[in-house]
Structures are given as C-alpha cells and as structure tokens.
C-alpha cells in the first residue's frame, strides 16, 4: 500500500485536512472531543435518538449538483467525510442572525430541555434545503429519526410548517467548493496497523476484496457503527463502498 493519506472535507465552510486518522473514529467523537464543538449531542451512540444529527453535502453522481442528507454522526466514521461537506448546528448562524429553521423553532417555543434540539434543527435544515414545499407526511418522515421526551412534537411540527415563511438565508455555492477537494485516487489510510480503503470504482473494490477477503465492508454504518460504539470491536481492515 502507498502512503497513508489525509482526509479532506469542508466543515461549515472551512477546508479541513486531518491526517493520522483512526479508521473507526466517529464524526461525533471528532466534533466533541477533538474540536470541542458541543452543539452536536450524544444520546444513544447507536443511531436511534437523533441528538447527534448533522448534515452531509456531497456532489451528485453526475458532478453537476449537490445532495444533502441528515446523518447520525455517532455511527458515521470520520474517513467517510473525505470529499464532502459536514454541516453542523454551529454553522447555521450567519453572524448573529439565526437560520430560518432555528428562528421558527424559537418562535414556536419548540425546545424545552434542549438536549435533542440541535438534532431537530439539523434534520429540519436538511428538509429545508431539499424540499421547498413539504407536506405533513414529508415533515414526519424528516423527523422520524429524532426523539424528544419533552415537547410532544406539536410545536416542532408547527415550526417546520412555518420555517419557509421566514426571510431566507443566502446559501453558499457548495458545488464549486466540493469540486476542488475531490480526490483523483483511491483514499487509503493506515493507523496503528489498521487499514481503511475507499475505492472509486468496481475494479478497485474487487481488487481489495481479493487482497483482503476478511475485510469489513462499510456502507451506511448502521450495523458496523454499533460494532465499534457498543461492542468496542477493533476492525483491522475497512473497505468503504460509498464512492463506488
């Protein structure tokens, strides 16, 4: 294998490069423990409660557009951010101006203890950016992964219905920034004897599987993430299929 590469991604508009990456360090651990950014919360650490929700932006398959999706940072491994943008709750405020999603939640008193609120903000931000006119079912689907023990959801849904009526916030040209950090070769990481690969195509994937037949195949991480966060397994070789 060649030299271990640093991962490159955008964090709330700022280019980040991280080397010597533990292949199974989670995005949540990186945000809270390495960067001391405490907006993103840890609730269950198994992708169930939504308190750790962040948004990932990545180029569409044709390279012309950008796709945004809400993900659970507690089971998302840090190297999977390579070539993407990570958007957190700290990144939504423009100076002292709240994002319409945040303003709507404030206006509708949609937070009580507040622990789950950043996750709701990010799930609604993903909806706001991808669906200009959601109906109630769309809103329910967008919030299906977020749990709240205080509000009963009514004011949160009211905020979701109202957030589009507020003055919009200008959005950055994410496609331009993302195109600048796309990798021309396969990402490969070595950390304390453990390996991480992100093949770019089926031929590279097949070659890696032949070379490492016992490797852990990583896609969304909804199972594999729990092996690490709950069962404390150390995965010797991880092959990530997200770029294939």
C-alpha atoms as a PDB file:
ATOM      1  CA  UNK A   1       0.000   0.000   0.000  1.00  0.00           C
ATOM      2  CA  UNK A   2       1.104   3.595  -0.656  1.00  0.00           C
ATOM      3  CA  UNK A   3       1.446   6.458   1.764  1.00  0.00           C
ATOM      4  CA  UNK A   4      -1.429   6.971   4.184  1.00  0.00           C
ATOM      5  CA  UNK A   5      -3.485   9.929   3.011  1.00  0.00           C
ATOM      6  CA  UNK A   6      -5.000  12.782   4.965  1.00  0.00           C
ATOM      7  CA  UNK A   7      -8.746  13.152   4.606  1.00  0.00           C
ATOM      8  CA  UNK A   8     -10.045  16.429   3.186  1.00  0.00           C
ATOM      9  CA  UNK A   9     -13.504  17.801   3.818  1.00  0.00           C
ATOM     10  CA  UNK A  10     -15.303  21.079   4.401  1.00  0.00           C
ATOM     11  CA  UNK A  11     -16.608  21.859   7.879  1.00  0.00           C
ATOM     12  CA  UNK A  12     -19.180  24.643   7.941  1.00  0.00           C
ATOM     13  CA  UNK A  13     -17.474  26.371   5.003  1.00  0.00           C
ATOM     14  CA  UNK A  14     -13.865  25.815   6.114  1.00  0.00           C
ATOM     15  CA  UNK A  15     -11.493  23.358   4.424  1.00  0.00           C
ATOM     16  CA  UNK A  16     -10.216  20.755   6.897  1.00  0.00           C
ATOM     17  CA  UNK A  17      -7.388  18.259   6.465  1.00  0.00           C
ATOM     18  CA  UNK A  18      -6.893  15.532   9.055  1.00  0.00           C
ATOM     19  CA  UNK A  19      -4.050  13.046   8.951  1.00  0.00           C
ATOM     20  CA  UNK A  20      -3.208  10.083  11.165  1.00  0.00           C
ATOM     21  CA  UNK A  21      -6.913   9.244  11.262  1.00  0.00           C
ATOM     22  CA  UNK A  22      -8.243   6.315  13.263  1.00  0.00           C
ATOM     23  CA  UNK A  23     -10.379   4.495  10.647  1.00  0.00           C
ATOM     24  CA  UNK A  24     -13.252   3.962  13.068  1.00  0.00           C
ATOM     25  CA  UNK A  25     -13.223   7.258  14.937  1.00  0.00           C
ATOM     26  CA  UNK A  26     -16.731   8.632  14.699  1.00  0.00           C
ATOM     27  CA  UNK A  27     -17.666  12.067  13.432  1.00  0.00           C
ATOM     28  CA  UNK A  28     -19.313  12.747  16.801  1.00  0.00           C
ATOM     29  CA  UNK A  29     -16.112  11.931  18.678  1.00  0.00           C
ATOM     30  CA  UNK A  30     -14.154  14.173  16.331  1.00  0.00           C
ATOM     31  CA  UNK A  31     -16.542  17.110  16.797  1.00  0.00           C
ATOM     32  CA  UNK A  32     -16.923  16.883  20.565  1.00  0.00           C
ATOM     33  CA  UNK A  33     -13.562  15.529  21.727  1.00  0.00           C
ATOM     34  CA  UNK A  34     -11.100  16.820  19.117  1.00  0.00           C
ATOM     35  CA  UNK A  35     -12.689  20.153  18.150  1.00  0.00           C
ATOM     36  CA  UNK A  36     -14.580  20.730  21.432  1.00  0.00           C
ATOM     37  CA  UNK A  37     -17.699  21.629  19.468  1.00  0.00           C
ATOM     38  CA  UNK A  38     -20.502  20.710  21.849  1.00  0.00           C
ATOM     39  CA  UNK A  39     -23.557  21.611  19.793  1.00  0.00           C
ATOM     40  CA  UNK A  40     -23.868  18.085  18.437  1.00  0.00           C
ATOM     41  CA  UNK A  41     -25.049  15.834  21.277  1.00  0.00           C
ATOM     42  CA  UNK A  42     -24.509  12.197  22.162  1.00  0.00           C
ATOM     43  CA  UNK A  43     -27.671  10.476  23.256  1.00  0.00           C
ATOM     44  CA  UNK A  44     -27.754   6.780  22.408  1.00  0.00           C
ATOM     45  CA  UNK A  45     -24.484   6.347  20.418  1.00  0.00           C
ATOM     46  CA  UNK A  46     -26.264   3.820  18.227  1.00  0.00           C
ATOM     47  CA  UNK A  47     -28.068   5.899  15.610  1.00  0.00           C
ATOM     48  CA  UNK A  48     -31.514   5.789  17.217  1.00  0.00           C
ATOM     49  CA  UNK A  49     -32.250   9.074  19.018  1.00  0.00           C
ATOM     50  CA  UNK A  50     -31.099  11.715  16.509  1.00  0.00           C
ATOM     51  CA  UNK A  51     -29.461  14.037  19.062  1.00  0.00           C
ATOM     52  CA  UNK A  52     -26.198  13.783  17.102  1.00  0.00           C
ATOM     53  CA  UNK A  53     -27.692  14.621  13.698  1.00  0.00           C
ATOM     54  CA  UNK A  54     -25.506  16.528  11.260  1.00  0.00           C
ATOM     55  CA  UNK A  55     -25.892  17.154   7.531  1.00  0.00           C
ATOM     56  CA  UNK A  56     -23.576  15.915   4.816  1.00  0.00           C
ATOM     57  CA  UNK A  57     -23.328  17.609   1.428  1.00  0.00           C
ATOM     58  CA  UNK A  58     -21.697  15.817  -1.483  1.00  0.00           C
ATOM     59  CA  UNK A  59     -21.552  16.133  -5.231  1.00  0.00           C
ATOM     60  CA  UNK A  60     -24.240  14.274  -7.141  1.00  0.00           C
ATOM     61  CA  UNK A  61     -23.163  11.331  -9.268  1.00  0.00           C
ATOM     62  CA  UNK A  62     -23.103  13.471 -12.433  1.00  0.00           C
ATOM     63  CA  UNK A  63     -20.932  16.051 -10.654  1.00  0.00           C
ATOM     64  CA  UNK A  64     -23.284  18.913 -11.525  1.00  0.00           C
ATOM     65  CA  UNK A  65     -25.343  19.248  -8.368  1.00  0.00           C
ATOM     66  CA  UNK A  66     -25.099  18.798  -4.614  1.00  0.00           C
ATOM     67  CA  UNK A  67     -27.043  16.340  -2.486  1.00  0.00           C
ATOM     68  CA  UNK A  68     -27.706  16.989   1.191  1.00  0.00           C
ATOM     69  CA  UNK A  69     -28.767  14.410   3.744  1.00  0.00           C
ATOM     70  CA  UNK A  70     -29.113  14.227   7.506  1.00  0.00           C
ATOM     71  CA  UNK A  71     -26.965  11.537   9.140  1.00  0.00           C
ATOM     72  CA  UNK A  72     -26.235  10.255  12.630  1.00  0.00           C
ATOM     73  CA  UNK A  73     -22.713  11.385  13.463  1.00  0.00           C
ATOM     74  CA  UNK A  74     -22.407   8.854  16.306  1.00  0.00           C
ATOM     75  CA  UNK A  75     -22.050   5.951  13.845  1.00  0.00           C
ATOM     76  CA  UNK A  76     -20.504   7.806  10.887  1.00  0.00           C
ATOM     77  CA  UNK A  77     -16.780   7.103  10.655  1.00  0.00           C
ATOM     78  CA  UNK A  78     -14.582  10.159  10.154  1.00  0.00           C
ATOM     79  CA  UNK A  79     -12.775   8.952   6.974  1.00  0.00           C
ATOM     80  CA  UNK A  80     -16.126   8.724   5.160  1.00  0.00           C
ATOM     81  CA  UNK A  81     -16.218  12.546   5.160  1.00  0.00           C
ATOM     82  CA  UNK A  82     -13.455  12.713   2.553  1.00  0.00           C
ATOM     83  CA  UNK A  83     -14.557  14.920  -0.349  1.00  0.00           C
ATOM     84  CA  UNK A  84     -17.764  16.031   1.378  1.00  0.00           C
ATOM     85  CA  UNK A  85     -19.018  18.964   3.438  1.00  0.00           C
ATOM     86  CA  UNK A  86     -20.020  18.494   7.056  1.00  0.00           C
ATOM     87  CA  UNK A  87     -22.631  20.980   8.260  1.00  0.00           C
ATOM     88  CA  UNK A  88     -23.246  21.267  11.997  1.00  0.00           C
ATOM     89  CA  UNK A  89     -25.621  23.291  14.136  1.00  0.00           C
ATOM     90  CA  UNK A  90     -22.818  25.792  14.866  1.00  0.00           C
ATOM     91  CA  UNK A  91     -22.559  26.507  11.142  1.00  0.00           C
ATOM     92  CA  UNK A  92     -26.141  27.679  10.578  1.00  0.00           C
ATOM     93  CA  UNK A  93     -25.961  31.058  12.300  1.00  0.00           C
ATOM     94  CA  UNK A  94     -24.962  33.901   9.982  1.00  0.00           C
ATOM     95  CA  UNK A  95     -23.223  36.339  12.308  1.00  0.00           C
ATOM     96  CA  UNK A  96     -25.898  36.892  14.919  1.00  0.00           C
ATOM     97  CA  UNK A  97     -28.726  36.020  12.529  1.00  0.00           C
ATOM     98  CA  UNK A  98     -30.429  32.695  13.157  1.00  0.00           C
ATOM     99  CA  UNK A  99     -31.199  30.394  10.262  1.00  0.00           C
ATOM    100  CA  UNK A 100     -34.960  30.299   9.447  1.00  0.00           C
ATOM    101  CA  UNK A 101     -35.118  26.780  10.878  1.00  0.00           C
ATOM    102  CA  UNK A 102     -33.686  27.979  14.188  1.00  0.00           C
ATOM    103  CA  UNK A 103     -35.830  31.122  14.226  1.00  0.00           C
ATOM    104  CA  UNK A 104     -39.006  29.114  13.625  1.00  0.00           C
ATOM    105  CA  UNK A 105     -38.179  26.749  16.489  1.00  0.00           C
ATOM    106  CA  UNK A 106     -37.618  29.734  18.800  1.00  0.00           C
ATOM    107  CA  UNK A 107     -40.831  31.443  17.676  1.00  0.00           C
ATOM    108  CA  UNK A 108     -42.879  28.318  18.343  1.00  0.00           C
ATOM    109  CA  UNK A 109     -41.259  27.517  21.718  1.00  0.00           C
ATOM    110  CA  UNK A 110     -40.227  24.148  20.314  1.00  0.00           C
ATOM    111  CA  UNK A 111     -37.442  23.427  22.799  1.00  0.00           C
ATOM    112  CA  UNK A 112     -37.697  22.543  26.475  1.00  0.00           C
ATOM    113  CA  UNK A 113     -34.696  20.750  27.996  1.00  0.00           C
ATOM    114  CA  UNK A 114     -32.882  21.469  24.702  1.00  0.00           C
ATOM    115  CA  UNK A 115     -30.755  18.325  24.520  1.00  0.00           C
ATOM    116  CA  UNK A 116     -32.452  16.998  21.384  1.00  0.00           C
ATOM    117  CA  UNK A 117     -32.896  20.420  19.774  1.00  0.00           C
ATOM    118  CA  UNK A 118     -29.664  20.577  17.718  1.00  0.00           C
ATOM    119  CA  UNK A 119     -30.585  17.262  16.104  1.00  0.00           C
ATOM    120  CA  UNK A 120     -34.056  18.527  15.218  1.00  0.00           C
ATOM    121  CA  UNK A 121     -32.502  21.695  13.809  1.00  0.00           C
ATOM    122  CA  UNK A 122     -30.249  19.712  11.501  1.00  0.00           C
ATOM    123  CA  UNK A 123     -32.961  17.318  10.327  1.00  0.00           C
ATOM    124  CA  UNK A 124     -35.202  20.282   9.534  1.00  0.00           C
ATOM    125  CA  UNK A 125     -32.286  22.072   7.840  1.00  0.00           C
ATOM    126  CA  UNK A 126     -31.848  19.087   5.508  1.00  0.00           C
ATOM    127  CA  UNK A 127     -35.571  19.200   4.736  1.00  0.00           C
ATOM    128  CA  UNK A 128     -35.474  22.986   4.227  1.00  0.00           C
ATOM    129  CA  UNK A 129     -32.608  22.673   1.739  1.00  0.00           C
ATOM    130  CA  UNK A 130     -34.041  19.772  -0.249  1.00  0.00           C
ATOM    131  CA  UNK A 131     -37.814  20.257  -0.256  1.00  0.00           C
ATOM    132  CA  UNK A 132     -39.255  23.763  -0.774  1.00  0.00           C
ATOM    133  CA  UNK A 133     -42.860  22.784  -0.027  1.00  0.00           C
ATOM    134  CA  UNK A 134     -43.144  19.690   2.188  1.00  0.00           C
ATOM    135  CA  UNK A 135     -46.487  18.380   3.354  1.00  0.00           C
ATOM    136  CA  UNK A 136     -47.132  16.988   6.815  1.00  0.00           C
ATOM    137  CA  UNK A 137     -46.057  13.480   5.786  1.00  0.00           C
ATOM    138  CA  UNK A 138     -42.752  14.822   4.445  1.00  0.00           C
ATOM    139  CA  UNK A 139     -42.140  16.589   7.757  1.00  0.00           C
ATOM    140  CA  UNK A 140     -42.984  13.471   9.748  1.00  0.00           C
ATOM    141  CA  UNK A 141     -40.596  11.440   7.601  1.00  0.00           C
ATOM    142  CA  UNK A 142     -37.811  14.016   8.029  1.00  0.00           C
ATOM    143  CA  UNK A 143     -38.207  13.910  11.825  1.00  0.00           C
ATOM    144  CA  UNK A 144     -38.726  10.163  12.134  1.00  0.00           C
ATOM    145  CA  UNK A 145     -35.176   9.680  13.406  1.00  0.00           C
ATOM    146  CA  UNK A 146     -35.344  12.371  16.095  1.00  0.00           C
ATOM    147  CA  UNK A 147     -36.702  11.642  19.555  1.00  0.00           C
ATOM    148  CA  UNK A 148     -37.928  14.230  22.074  1.00  0.00           C
ATOM    149  CA  UNK A 149     -39.141  13.491  25.598  1.00  0.00           C
ATOM    150  CA  UNK A 150     -40.401  16.998  26.421  1.00  0.00           C
ATOM    151  CA  UNK A 151     -42.417  18.819  23.782  1.00  0.00           C
ATOM    152  CA  UNK A 152     -44.713  16.186  22.360  1.00  0.00           C
ATOM    153  CA  UNK A 153     -43.618  17.252  18.849  1.00  0.00           C
ATOM    154  CA  UNK A 154     -46.551  19.614  18.190  1.00  0.00           C
ATOM    155  CA  UNK A 155     -44.512  22.860  18.403  1.00  0.00           C
ATOM    156  CA  UNK A 156     -41.658  21.272  16.453  1.00  0.00           C
ATOM    157  CA  UNK A 157     -44.002  20.395  13.594  1.00  0.00           C
ATOM    158  CA  UNK A 158     -45.541  23.868  13.775  1.00  0.00           C
ATOM    159  CA  UNK A 159     -42.036  25.319  13.389  1.00  0.00           C
ATOM    160  CA  UNK A 160     -41.390  23.053  10.411  1.00  0.00           C
ATOM    161  CA  UNK A 161     -44.539  24.307   8.723  1.00  0.00           C
ATOM    162  CA  UNK A 162     -43.629  27.935   9.438  1.00  0.00           C
ATOM    163  CA  UNK A 163     -39.894  27.984   8.638  1.00  0.00           C
ATOM    164  CA  UNK A 164     -40.457  28.635   4.933  1.00  0.00           C
ATOM    165  CA  UNK A 165     -42.363  31.848   5.658  1.00  0.00           C
ATOM    166  CA  UNK A 166     -39.308  33.493   7.251  1.00  0.00           C
ATOM    167  CA  UNK A 167     -36.737  35.503   5.243  1.00  0.00           C
ATOM    168  CA  UNK A 168     -34.334  33.024   3.646  1.00  0.00           C
ATOM    169  CA  UNK A 169     -30.631  32.918   4.348  1.00  0.00           C
ATOM    170  CA  UNK A 170     -28.235  33.013   1.407  1.00  0.00           C
ATOM    171  CA  UNK A 171     -26.684  29.623   0.635  1.00  0.00           C
ATOM    172  CA  UNK A 172     -23.044  29.152  -0.407  1.00  0.00           C
ATOM    173  CA  UNK A 173     -22.121  27.623  -3.761  1.00  0.00           C
ATOM    174  CA  UNK A 174     -21.285  24.215  -2.350  1.00  0.00           C
ATOM    175  CA  UNK A 175     -20.658  22.571  -5.713  1.00  0.00           C
ATOM    176  CA  UNK A 176     -17.688  24.796  -6.503  1.00  0.00           C
ATOM    177  CA  UNK A 177     -16.048  24.156  -3.138  1.00  0.00           C
ATOM    178  CA  UNK A 178     -16.680  20.415  -3.276  1.00  0.00           C
ATOM    179  CA  UNK A 179     -15.255  20.037  -6.776  1.00  0.00           C
ATOM    180  CA  UNK A 180     -11.966  21.498  -5.543  1.00  0.00           C
ATOM    181  CA  UNK A 181     -11.449  18.753  -2.952  1.00  0.00           C
ATOM    182  CA  UNK A 182     -12.361  15.692  -4.994  1.00  0.00           C
ATOM    183  CA  UNK A 183      -9.712  13.007  -4.922  1.00  0.00           C
ATOM    184  CA  UNK A 184      -8.230  11.613  -8.134  1.00  0.00           C
ATOM    185  CA  UNK A 185      -7.000   8.434  -6.495  1.00  0.00           C
ATOM    186  CA  UNK A 186      -8.327   5.929  -4.001  1.00  0.00           C
ATOM    187  CA  UNK A 187      -8.232   7.047  -0.384  1.00  0.00           C
ATOM    188  CA  UNK A 188      -6.199   4.677   1.761  1.00  0.00           C
ATOM    189  CA  UNK A 189      -5.387   5.150   5.412  1.00  0.00           C
ATOM    190  CA  UNK A 190      -3.156   3.226   7.782  1.00  0.00           C
ATOM    191  CA  UNK A 191      -3.370   3.880  11.517  1.00  0.00           C
ATOM    192  CA  UNK A 192      -1.656   1.723  14.126  1.00  0.00           C
ATOM    193  CA  UNK A 193      -1.699  -1.272  11.828  1.00  0.00           C
ATOM    194  CA  UNK A 194      -5.353  -0.912  10.850  1.00  0.00           C
ATOM    195  CA  UNK A 195      -6.408  -0.052   7.293  1.00  0.00           C
ATOM    196  CA  UNK A 196      -9.189   1.933   5.628  1.00  0.00           C
ATOM    197  CA  UNK A 197      -9.844   1.998   1.873  1.00  0.00           C
ATOM    198  CA  UNK A 198     -12.367   3.986  -0.157  1.00  0.00           C
ATOM    199  CA  UNK A 199     -12.271   2.537  -3.697  1.00  0.00           C
ATOM    200  CA  UNK A 200     -13.517   4.730  -6.526  1.00  0.00           C
ATOM    201  CA  UNK A 201     -14.863   2.008  -8.813  1.00  0.00           C
ATOM    202  CA  UNK A 202     -15.843  -1.660  -9.010  1.00  0.00           C
ATOM    203  CA  UNK A 203     -12.427  -2.770 -10.268  1.00  0.00           C
ATOM    204  CA  UNK A 204     -10.676  -1.257  -7.237  1.00  0.00           C
ATOM    205  CA  UNK A 205     -13.305  -2.748  -4.934  1.00  0.00           C
ATOM    206  CA  UNK A 206     -12.880  -6.220  -6.439  1.00  0.00           C
ATOM    207  CA  UNK A 207      -9.092  -5.984  -6.158  1.00  0.00           C
ATOM    208  CA  UNK A 208      -9.296  -5.007  -2.491  1.00  0.00           C
ATOM    209  CA  UNK A 209     -11.719  -7.824  -1.693  1.00  0.00           C
ATOM    210  CA  UNK A 210      -9.357 -10.282  -3.306  1.00  0.00           C
ATOM    211  CA  UNK A 211      -6.432  -8.888  -1.314  1.00  0.00           C
ATOM    212  CA  UNK A 212      -8.364  -8.602   1.985  1.00  0.00           C
ATOM    213  CA  UNK A 213     -11.076 -11.291   1.931  1.00  0.00           C
ATOM    214  CA  UNK A 214     -11.776 -10.817   5.649  1.00  0.00           C
ATOM    215  CA  UNK A 215     -12.275  -7.052   5.433  1.00  0.00           C
ATOM    216  CA  UNK A 216     -15.291  -5.324   6.927  1.00  0.00           C
ATOM    217  CA  UNK A 217     -17.456  -3.802   4.193  1.00  0.00           C
ATOM    218  CA  UNK A 218     -18.810  -0.406   5.243  1.00  0.00           C
ATOM    219  CA  UNK A 219     -21.742   1.338   3.582  1.00  0.00           C
ATOM    220  CA  UNK A 220     -24.067   3.378   5.813  1.00  0.00           C
ATOM    221  CA  UNK A 221     -22.644   2.074   9.082  1.00  0.00           C
ATOM    222  CA  UNK A 222     -25.982   1.367  10.748  1.00  0.00           C
ATOM    223  CA  UNK A 223     -24.683  -2.045  11.837  1.00  0.00           C
ATOM    224  CA  UNK A 224     -20.908  -1.617  11.617  1.00  0.00           C
ATOM    225  CA  UNK A 225     -21.005   1.614  13.623  1.00  0.00           C
ATOM    226  CA  UNK A 226     -22.568  -0.235  16.552  1.00  0.00           C
ATOM    227  CA  UNK A 227     -19.857  -2.894  16.437  1.00  0.00           C
ATOM    228  CA  UNK A 228     -17.469  -0.089  17.343  1.00  0.00           C
ATOM    229  CA  UNK A 229     -19.555   2.110  19.672  1.00  0.00           C
ATOM    230  CA  UNK A 230     -21.362  -0.664  21.561  1.00  0.00           C
ATOM    231  CA  UNK A 231     -19.298  -3.829  21.159  1.00  0.00           C
ATOM    232  CA  UNK A 232     -15.945  -1.993  21.139  1.00  0.00           C
ATOM    233  CA  UNK A 233     -14.587  -4.079  18.290  1.00  0.00           C
ATOM    234  CA  UNK A 234     -11.376  -3.117  16.541  1.00  0.00           C
ATOM    235  CA  UNK A 235     -11.770  -3.526  12.803  1.00  0.00           C
ATOM    236  CA  UNK A 236      -8.475  -4.387  11.145  1.00  0.00           C
ATOM    237  CA  UNK A 237      -9.438  -3.604   7.546  1.00  0.00           C
ATOM    238  CA  UNK A 238     -12.412  -1.468   6.476  1.00  0.00           C
ATOM    239  CA  UNK A 239     -13.461  -1.074   2.846  1.00  0.00           C
ATOM    240  CA  UNK A 240     -15.907   1.800   2.340  1.00  0.00           C
ATOM    241  CA  UNK A 241     -18.232   1.444  -0.649  1.00  0.00           C
ATOM    242  CA  UNK A 242     -19.653   4.969  -0.598  1.00  0.00           C
ATOM    243  CA  UNK A 243     -17.565   6.208  -3.525  1.00  0.00           C
ATOM    244  CA  UNK A 244     -18.091   3.245  -5.825  1.00  0.00           C
END
